[in-house]
Amino acid sequence: MSTPIVTTERAEASLDTARFLFGKRKQGPRRRKTKAPYLLVIPAVLALIVGTGYPVVWQTLTSFREYGLAQQFGKVAPFVGLQNYVDLLTGPDFWTIVLRSIIFCVVTAAATMVLGIGVALVMRAVPAVPRIILQVSLLLAWAMPVVAQMTVWTWLVDDRNGILNYVLSKIPGVDMIGHNWLVQPLSFFAVASVIIVWASVPFVAFSIYAAFTTVGDEVLEASSLDGASKGQQLRQIILPIIRPVLAIVLLLQLIWDLRVFSQIKLLQDAGSFGSQYDLLGTYIYKLGTGTQDFGTASAAAIIVLFLTLGLSWVYVRRMLKEDAES
């Protein structure tokens, strides 16, 4: 009969202890909210407003005016309202260039992500020495200035002295000597996509390789004991864990490839002329510096800004949703 009495006494003592602890926790002082995080973020917000806000405001105001060459010499720019946007959106070339730019950025970003993930997996699998050699090579490619990149690539695809045509001509039955890769729009954008992917893969590979380090070895060991193959580990364990990193890297690649300018412009300077070789970046550049129609160019830049914000909002909304669920 003594055992139930002891058990009951222990249970009552545990209950009294729990009540005391929870009651004391409720009666304790609330945690004071500090303003330090908001004060620390103020310099970054001010720098963003000054560095980005002023150009955006200036472009927005310019897009509502007829701002051409005469205004460069002091003539007042007349207010035309939304006429620049109407002319742009109803023009013959704008929507074709928008669609072309979207297809180009989606294809290029997808290829960059696939190759970046593959290179990151190679860095994860190989020993230290080959991994360091690979990482140094990626860094050298990533650090090369755009003009230097384009000089090398323009020489590689040159129709007379290019090494690409020379190598392809060594294949039996193939004669590529004299073939110009920059004449046809399809091959022009294929070359541009290869160049941009080559320059972007290092960033993606390093970002995803860093994300791979957050996946615990004990998780992979446990899945191996359960019979999971390497492919199943990648699809069902590793990629879901690093999904936030993949999302932000993909978003950045889409934004960068949508606004690409330097590579396209330098390839055009190598011998490709006409609107059929334009993406949004070069199209806006030609509107501004070519036709001196800065009002319409500013309107096009604002539209690209909204396209970029639309891409960003997809990721921000998902991030807010995941934070709310967690």
Protein backbone atom coordinates (compact mmCIF):
# COMPACT_ATOMS: atom_id res chain seq x y z
CA MET A 1 0.00 0.00 0.00
CA SER A 2 2.97 2.37 0.42
CA THR A 3 3.88 2.48 -3.30
CA PRO A 4 0.69 4.26 -4.47
CA ILE A 5 1.06 6.80 -1.63
CA VAL A 6 4.64 7.61 -2.63
CA THR A 7 3.68 7.83 -6.30
CA THR A 8 0.78 10.14 -5.53
CA GLU A 9 2.95 12.35 -3.36
CA ARG A 10 5.59 12.59 -6.14
CA ALA A 11 2.94 13.41 -8.72
CA GLU A 12 1.49 16.14 -6.52
CA ALA A 13 4.96 17.55 -5.87
CA SER A 14 5.72 17.59 -9.61
CA LEU A 15 2.40 19.31 -10.29
CA ASP A 16 3.09 21.96 -7.63
CA THR A 17 6.57 22.53 -9.10
CA ALA A 18 5.14 22.96 -12.61
CA ARG A 19 2.53 25.39 -11.36
CA PHE A 20 5.16 27.38 -9.51
CA LEU A 21 7.47 27.56 -12.52
CA PHE A 22 4.78 28.48 -15.03
CA GLY A 23 3.23 30.94 -12.67
CA LYS A 24 6.56 32.60 -12.08
CA ARG A 25 7.23 32.73 -15.82
CA LYS A 26 3.95 34.45 -16.46
CA GLN A 27 4.55 36.98 -13.71
CA GLY A 28 8.06 37.83 -14.95
CA PRO A 29 8.79 41.07 -16.78
CA ARG A 30 8.22 41.15 -20.52
CA ARG A 31 11.18 41.32 -22.83
CA ARG A 32 11.74 44.91 -23.85
CA LYS A 33 11.85 45.63 -27.55
CA THR A 34 15.05 47.33 -28.53
CA LYS A 35 15.42 49.89 -31.29
CA ALA A 36 19.01 48.95 -32.06
CA PRO A 37 18.22 46.81 -35.16
CA TYR A 38 16.24 49.65 -36.70
CA LEU A 39 19.00 52.15 -35.95
CA LEU A 40 21.63 49.86 -37.48
CA VAL A 41 19.68 49.45 -40.72
CA ILE A 42 19.16 53.20 -41.22
CA PRO A 43 22.57 53.81 -42.95
CA ALA A 44 21.91 51.02 -45.44
CA VAL A 45 18.42 52.36 -46.17
CA LEU A 46 19.75 55.89 -46.66
CA ALA A 47 22.49 54.65 -49.01
CA LEU A 48 19.88 52.70 -50.98
CA ILE A 49 17.61 55.73 -51.24
CA VAL A 50 20.40 58.03 -52.38
CA GLY A 51 22.11 55.56 -54.73
CA THR A 52 18.99 54.00 -56.26
CA GLY A 53 16.13 56.31 -55.41
CA TYR A 54 17.41 59.39 -57.23
CA PRO A 55 18.03 57.63 -60.60
CA VAL A 56 14.63 55.94 -60.41
CA VAL A 57 12.86 59.22 -59.64
CA TRP A 58 14.75 61.00 -62.43
CA GLN A 59 13.93 58.26 -64.94
CA THR A 60 10.28 58.24 -63.88
CA LEU A 61 9.96 62.01 -64.35
CA THR A 62 11.82 61.85 -67.67
CA SER A 63 9.50 59.10 -68.93
CA PHE A 64 6.59 61.56 -68.71
CA ARG A 65 8.35 64.18 -70.84
CA GLU A 66 9.52 64.53 -74.41
CA TYR A 67 13.19 64.57 -73.57
CA GLY A 68 15.38 64.56 -76.66
CA LEU A 69 18.52 66.13 -78.02
CA ALA A 70 17.17 69.71 -77.74
CA GLN A 71 16.80 69.33 -74.00
CA GLN A 72 20.53 68.63 -73.76
CA PHE A 73 21.07 72.26 -74.80
CA GLY A 74 18.70 73.79 -72.27
CA LYS A 75 15.29 73.62 -73.93
CA VAL A 76 12.51 72.81 -71.47
CA ALA A 77 11.18 69.28 -71.86
CA PRO A 78 7.42 69.37 -72.50
CA PHE A 79 5.17 67.17 -70.38
CA VAL A 80 3.51 64.46 -72.50
CA GLY A 81 1.99 62.26 -69.77
CA LEU A 82 1.79 58.60 -70.70
CA GLN A 83 2.44 59.17 -74.40
CA ASN A 84 5.94 57.67 -74.22
CA TYR A 85 4.50 54.51 -72.67
CA VAL A 86 1.73 54.36 -75.28
CA ASP A 87 4.19 54.76 -78.15
CA LEU A 88 6.46 52.14 -76.63
CA LEU A 89 3.79 49.54 -75.87
CA THR A 90 2.11 49.95 -79.26
CA GLY A 91 5.36 50.00 -81.22
CA PRO A 92 6.31 47.26 -83.67
CA ASP A 93 9.46 46.02 -81.90
CA PHE A 94 8.97 46.32 -78.15
CA TRP A 95 6.93 43.20 -77.39
CA THR A 96 9.08 41.09 -79.72
CA ILE A 97 12.19 42.20 -77.84
CA VAL A 98 10.50 41.62 -74.45
CA LEU A 99 9.54 38.06 -75.44
CA ARG A 100 13.01 37.43 -76.85
CA SER A 101 14.63 38.74 -73.66
CA ILE A 102 12.44 36.58 -71.42
CA ILE A 103 13.16 33.43 -73.44
CA PHE A 104 16.88 34.23 -73.47
CA CYS A 105 17.06 34.84 -69.71
CA VAL A 106 15.04 31.71 -68.84
CA VAL A 107 17.14 29.44 -71.07
CA THR A 108 20.43 30.98 -69.95
CA ALA A 109 19.52 30.94 -66.25
CA ALA A 110 18.33 27.32 -66.44
CA ALA A 111 21.56 26.22 -68.14
CA THR A 112 23.60 28.14 -65.58
CA MET A 113 21.78 26.51 -62.66
CA VAL A 114 22.14 22.98 -64.07
CA LEU A 115 25.85 23.39 -64.77
CA GLY A 116 26.42 25.21 -61.46
CA ILE A 117 24.81 22.39 -59.49
CA GLY A 118 26.88 19.87 -61.44
CA VAL A 119 30.13 21.69 -60.72
CA ALA A 120 29.19 22.03 -57.05
CA LEU A 121 28.58 18.27 -56.88
CA VAL A 122 32.00 17.67 -58.44
CA MET A 123 33.64 19.95 -55.85
CA ARG A 124 31.83 18.03 -53.11
CA ALA A 125 32.96 14.64 -54.44
CA VAL A 126 36.61 15.15 -55.38
CA PRO A 127 39.57 15.27 -52.94
CA ALA A 128 41.07 18.51 -51.66
CA VAL A 129 43.76 19.09 -54.29
CA PRO A 130 41.55 18.70 -57.39
CA ARG A 131 38.85 20.74 -55.65
CA ILE A 132 41.26 23.63 -55.00
CA ILE A 133 42.46 23.55 -58.62
CA LEU A 134 38.86 23.63 -59.83
CA GLN A 135 37.96 26.46 -57.48
CA VAL A 136 40.94 28.56 -58.56
CA SER A 137 40.00 28.02 -62.20
CA LEU A 138 36.44 29.12 -61.50
CA LEU A 139 37.65 32.19 -59.65
CA LEU A 140 39.90 33.19 -62.56
CA ALA A 141 37.00 32.87 -64.99
CA TRP A 142 34.71 34.81 -62.66
CA ALA A 143 37.25 37.58 -62.03
CA MET A 144 38.00 38.20 -65.71
CA PRO A 145 36.66 41.60 -66.85
CA VAL A 146 33.78 41.52 -69.32
CA VAL A 147 35.77 43.25 -72.07
CA ALA A 148 38.58 40.72 -71.70
CA GLN A 149 36.07 37.87 -71.79
CA MET A 150 34.47 39.19 -74.96
CA THR A 151 37.84 39.74 -76.64
CA VAL A 152 38.75 36.08 -76.09
CA TRP A 153 35.34 34.76 -77.11
CA THR A 154 35.14 36.97 -80.20
CA TRP A 155 38.47 35.51 -81.31
CA LEU A 156 37.27 31.97 -80.61
CA VAL A 157 34.20 32.34 -82.86
CA ASP A 158 35.90 34.46 -85.53
CA ASP A 159 34.88 33.33 -89.00
CA ARG A 160 38.40 33.47 -90.47
CA ASN A 161 40.84 32.76 -87.64
CA GLY A 162 38.59 31.35 -84.92
CA ILE A 163 39.64 28.18 -83.16
CA LEU A 164 36.03 26.94 -82.99
CA ASN A 165 35.66 26.73 -86.76
CA TYR A 166 39.13 25.19 -87.03
CA VAL A 167 38.33 22.43 -84.53
CA LEU A 168 34.93 21.68 -86.06
CA SER A 169 36.47 21.49 -89.52
CA LYS A 170 38.66 18.61 -88.31
CA ILE A 171 35.53 16.47 -88.12
CA PRO A 172 35.26 14.36 -91.32
CA GLY A 173 32.73 15.84 -93.71
CA VAL A 174 32.43 19.16 -91.84
CA ASP A 175 33.74 22.40 -93.33
CA MET A 176 33.21 25.38 -91.01
CA ILE A 177 36.01 27.60 -92.30
CA GLY A 178 34.51 31.01 -93.01
CA HIS A 179 31.29 30.33 -91.10
CA ASN A 180 30.14 33.46 -89.23
CA TRP A 181 28.41 32.57 -85.97
CA LEU A 182 27.19 36.13 -85.45
CA VAL A 183 25.19 36.60 -88.65
CA GLN A 184 22.11 34.50 -87.87
CA PRO A 185 20.15 35.70 -84.81
CA LEU A 186 19.73 32.15 -83.46
CA SER A 187 23.45 31.38 -83.52
CA PHE A 188 24.19 34.92 -82.28
CA PHE A 189 22.11 34.41 -79.14
CA ALA A 190 23.45 30.87 -78.74
CA VAL A 191 26.99 32.27 -78.60
CA ALA A 192 25.85 35.01 -76.21
CA SER A 193 24.16 32.44 -73.97
CA VAL A 194 27.28 30.26 -73.85
CA ILE A 195 29.42 33.26 -72.90
CA ILE A 196 27.05 34.37 -70.12
CA VAL A 197 26.69 30.82 -68.77
CA TRP A 198 30.47 30.42 -68.75
CA ALA A 199 30.84 33.65 -66.76
CA SER A 200 27.95 32.91 -64.36
CA VAL A 201 28.59 29.27 -63.46
CA PRO A 202 31.34 30.10 -60.90
CA PHE A 203 28.97 32.21 -58.78
CA VAL A 204 26.28 29.54 -58.84
CA ALA A 205 28.74 26.72 -58.16
CA PHE A 206 30.32 28.44 -55.16
CA SER A 207 26.93 29.43 -53.72
CA ILE A 208 25.51 25.93 -54.00
CA TYR A 209 28.72 24.30 -52.78
CA ALA A 210 28.50 26.49 -49.67
CA ALA A 211 24.90 25.38 -49.24
CA PHE A 212 25.97 21.73 -49.53
CA THR A 213 28.14 22.19 -46.44
CA THR A 214 24.99 22.83 -44.38
CA VAL A 215 23.72 19.30 -45.08
CA GLY A 216 24.76 17.12 -42.16
CA ASP A 217 26.72 13.94 -42.83
CA GLU A 218 24.60 12.07 -40.29
CA VAL A 219 21.50 12.70 -42.41
CA LEU A 220 23.17 11.22 -45.49
CA GLU A 221 24.55 8.30 -43.49
CA ALA A 222 21.11 7.54 -42.11
CA SER A 223 19.60 7.62 -45.60
CA SER A 224 22.36 5.31 -46.85
CA LEU A 225 21.54 2.82 -44.11
CA ASP A 226 17.91 2.97 -45.25
CA GLY A 227 19.01 2.02 -48.77
CA ALA A 228 18.87 5.42 -50.50
CA SER A 229 21.04 5.78 -53.58
CA LYS A 230 23.15 8.85 -54.39
CA GLY A 231 20.53 10.10 -56.81
CA GLN A 232 17.76 9.68 -54.24
CA GLN A 233 19.84 11.51 -51.64
CA LEU A 234 20.30 14.41 -54.05
CA ARG A 235 16.65 14.65 -55.11
CA GLN A 236 14.91 13.87 -51.83
CA ILE A 237 17.31 15.15 -49.16
CA ILE A 238 20.00 17.57 -50.37
CA LEU A 239 18.02 19.68 -52.84
CA PRO A 240 15.00 20.14 -50.52
CA ILE A 241 17.31 21.24 -47.69
CA ILE A 242 19.12 23.84 -49.83
CA ARG A 243 15.96 24.95 -51.66
CA PRO A 244 16.05 28.53 -50.24
CA VAL A 245 19.59 29.00 -51.59
CA LEU A 246 18.57 27.57 -54.96
CA ALA A 247 15.61 29.96 -55.09
CA ILE A 248 17.60 33.11 -54.40
CA VAL A 249 20.42 32.11 -56.77
CA LEU A 250 17.91 31.35 -59.54
CA LEU A 251 16.17 34.67 -58.92
CA LEU A 252 19.46 36.57 -59.17
CA GLN A 253 20.36 34.76 -62.39
CA LEU A 254 16.98 35.58 -63.95
CA ILE A 255 17.32 39.25 -63.03
CA TRP A 256 20.92 39.49 -64.30
CA ASP A 257 20.17 37.67 -67.54
CA LEU A 258 17.06 39.77 -68.16
CA ARG A 259 19.11 42.97 -67.89
CA VAL A 260 22.19 41.70 -69.74
CA PHE A 261 23.85 44.41 -71.82
CA SER A 262 27.64 44.30 -72.09
CA GLN A 263 27.99 40.89 -73.74
CA ILE A 264 25.24 41.59 -76.28
CA LYS A 265 26.56 45.05 -77.13
CA LEU A 266 30.13 43.83 -77.60
CA LEU A 267 28.98 40.95 -79.80
CA GLN A 268 26.98 43.41 -81.89
CA ASP A 269 30.07 45.57 -82.25
CA ALA A 270 31.86 42.51 -83.63
CA GLY A 271 29.65 42.60 -86.72
CA SER A 272 25.95 42.09 -85.97
CA PHE A 273 23.62 44.99 -86.78
CA GLY A 274 19.85 45.38 -86.55
CA SER A 275 17.02 45.12 -84.05
CA GLN A 276 16.86 41.33 -84.51
CA TYR A 277 19.99 41.11 -82.34
CA ASP A 278 18.63 43.30 -79.54
CA LEU A 279 17.58 42.41 -76.02
CA LEU A 280 16.05 44.87 -73.59
CA GLY A 281 19.38 46.29 -72.45
CA THR A 282 20.67 47.13 -75.93
CA TYR A 283 17.20 48.24 -77.06
CA ILE A 284 17.02 50.85 -74.29
CA TYR A 285 20.61 51.90 -75.01
CA LYS A 286 19.83 52.49 -78.68
CA LEU A 287 16.69 54.45 -77.83
CA GLY A 288 18.70 56.76 -75.61
CA THR A 289 22.04 57.17 -77.37
CA GLY A 290 21.07 56.21 -80.90
CA THR A 291 17.84 58.12 -81.50
CA GLN A 292 18.32 60.57 -78.60
CA ASP A 293 14.79 59.69 -77.42
CA PHE A 294 15.55 59.73 -73.72
CA GLY A 295 11.88 59.97 -72.73
CA THR A 296 10.95 56.70 -74.42
CA ALA A 297 14.19 55.10 -73.22
CA SER A 298 13.30 56.07 -69.64
CA ALA A 299 9.82 54.59 -70.09
CA ALA A 300 11.35 51.32 -71.31
CA ALA A 301 13.72 51.30 -68.33
CA ILE A 302 10.78 51.74 -65.92
CA ILE A 303 8.97 48.83 -67.56
CA VAL A 304 12.08 46.65 -67.13
CA LEU A 305 12.20 47.77 -63.50
CA PHE A 306 8.64 46.53 -62.98
CA LEU A 307 9.48 43.24 -64.69
CA THR A 308 12.40 42.85 -62.27
CA LEU A 309 10.21 43.71 -59.28
CA GLY A 310 7.67 41.16 -60.48
CA LEU A 311 10.32 38.44 -60.54
CA SER A 312 11.54 39.49 -57.10
CA TRP A 313 8.04 39.55 -55.63
CA VAL A 314 7.53 35.87 -56.45
CA TYR A 315 10.48 34.99 -54.22
CA VAL A 316 9.59 37.53 -51.50
CA ARG A 317 6.02 36.23 -51.29
CA ARG A 318 7.23 32.65 -50.98
CA MET A 319 9.72 33.66 -48.30
CA LEU A 320 7.04 35.48 -46.31
CA LYS A 321 4.73 32.50 -46.63
CA GLU A 322 7.41 30.11 -45.36
CA ASP A 323 8.17 32.43 -42.42
CA ALA A 324 4.49 32.59 -41.53
CA GLU A 325 4.16 28.81 -41.63
CA SER A 326 7.25 28.30 -39.47
